[in-house]
């Protein structure tokens, strides 16, 4: 069996490095997505089931202020209509005056 040249071995190692970096990137993106899902689930849970009405009100007020500037796509905005509706109604009311 012939030995591989150093150049061949380096090329194989570089290819292996690229494969491992791609796998790491995929794993990091999956973890980031999972964190976002869990954080969103916590926020929604607090909005729907919190017994601390002051906290819930402050959280909803904050979301109503921040979400309109954060959400760009119409489809995304529609996902949060239940949270944004009171703020949008108030905004429409002010615009009509």
Protein backbone atom coordinates (compact mmCIF):
# COMPACT_ATOMS: atom_id res chain seq x y z
CA UNK A 1 0.00 0.00 0.00
CA UNK A 2 1.43 3.34 -1.07
CA UNK A 3 1.73 6.13 1.43
CA UNK A 4 -0.19 9.33 0.72
CA UNK A 5 1.85 12.40 0.06
CA UNK A 6 1.88 15.18 2.59
CA UNK A 7 -0.01 17.35 0.10
CA UNK A 8 -2.76 14.74 -0.23
CA UNK A 9 -3.00 14.35 3.53
CA UNK A 10 -3.23 18.12 3.98
CA UNK A 11 -5.98 18.33 1.35
CA UNK A 12 -7.93 15.56 3.14
CA UNK A 13 -7.51 17.33 6.47
CA UNK A 14 -8.70 20.62 4.96
CA UNK A 15 -11.78 18.87 3.54
CA UNK A 16 -12.46 17.26 6.93
CA UNK A 17 -12.07 20.68 8.59
CA UNK A 18 -14.62 22.21 6.19
CA UNK A 19 -17.07 19.38 6.89
CA UNK A 20 -16.70 19.76 10.66
CA UNK A 21 -17.09 23.56 10.47
CA UNK A 22 -20.28 23.14 8.45
CA UNK A 23 -21.61 20.65 11.00
CA UNK A 24 -20.75 23.03 13.86
CA UNK A 25 -22.50 25.91 12.08
CA UNK A 26 -25.62 23.81 11.60
CA UNK A 27 -25.57 22.78 15.27
CA UNK A 28 -25.17 26.40 16.41
CA UNK A 29 -28.07 27.56 14.20
CA UNK A 30 -30.26 24.78 15.59
CA UNK A 31 -29.40 25.81 19.16
CA UNK A 32 -30.11 29.46 18.35
CA UNK A 33 -33.49 28.54 16.87
CA UNK A 34 -34.33 26.42 19.92
CA UNK A 35 -33.44 29.30 22.27
CA UNK A 36 -35.71 31.65 20.31
CA UNK A 37 -38.58 29.18 20.39
CA UNK A 38 -38.24 28.64 24.14
CA UNK A 39 -37.95 32.36 24.87
CA UNK A 40 -41.01 33.07 22.72
CA UNK A 41 -42.91 30.29 24.47
CA UNK A 42 -42.04 31.83 27.85
CA UNK A 43 -43.23 35.29 26.77
CA UNK A 44 -46.48 33.92 25.36
CA UNK A 45 -47.03 31.85 28.49
CA UNK A 46 -46.57 34.93 30.68
CA UNK A 47 -49.01 36.90 28.52
CA UNK A 48 -51.65 34.18 28.67
CA UNK A 49 -51.26 32.68 32.14
CA UNK A 50 -49.58 35.21 34.38
CA UNK A 51 -51.19 35.99 37.71
CA UNK A 52 -49.13 39.15 37.97
CA UNK A 53 -51.34 41.55 36.03
CA UNK A 54 -48.92 44.49 36.42
CA UNK A 55 -46.08 42.48 34.90
CA UNK A 56 -48.34 41.22 32.10
CA UNK A 57 -49.51 44.76 31.33
CA UNK A 58 -45.94 46.07 31.24
CA UNK A 59 -44.83 43.16 29.05
CA UNK A 60 -47.74 43.69 26.63
CA UNK A 61 -47.05 47.47 26.52
CA UNK A 62 -43.38 46.80 25.78
CA UNK A 63 -44.23 44.34 23.01
CA UNK A 64 -46.72 46.79 21.49
CA UNK A 65 -43.98 49.43 21.38
CA UNK A 66 -41.17 47.19 20.12
CA UNK A 67 -42.79 44.69 17.75
CA UNK A 68 -43.97 47.13 15.06
CA UNK A 69 -40.41 48.30 14.46
CA UNK A 70 -39.01 44.77 14.65
CA UNK A 71 -41.47 42.94 12.41
CA UNK A 72 -40.91 43.66 8.73
CA UNK A 73 -43.02 41.11 6.84
CA UNK A 74 -46.79 41.42 6.72
CA UNK A 75 -47.11 37.71 7.45
CA UNK A 76 -45.04 38.13 10.61
CA UNK A 77 -47.16 41.07 11.70
CA UNK A 78 -50.28 38.97 11.24
CA UNK A 79 -48.85 36.37 13.62
CA UNK A 80 -48.86 38.98 16.39
CA UNK A 81 -52.20 40.67 15.68
CA UNK A 82 -53.55 39.54 19.04
CA UNK A 83 -50.78 41.44 20.81
CA UNK A 84 -50.60 44.41 18.44
CA UNK A 85 -54.36 44.92 17.93
CA UNK A 86 -54.94 47.20 20.96
CA UNK A 87 -51.98 49.41 20.02
CA UNK A 88 -52.98 49.53 16.37
CA UNK A 89 -56.56 50.46 17.23
CA UNK A 90 -55.29 53.29 19.43
CA UNK A 91 -52.91 54.43 16.69
CA UNK A 92 -55.70 54.40 14.09
CA UNK A 93 -57.91 56.38 16.49
CA UNK A 94 -55.25 59.06 16.89
CA UNK A 95 -54.73 59.26 13.12
CA UNK A 96 -58.45 59.79 12.56
CA UNK A 97 -58.55 62.83 14.88
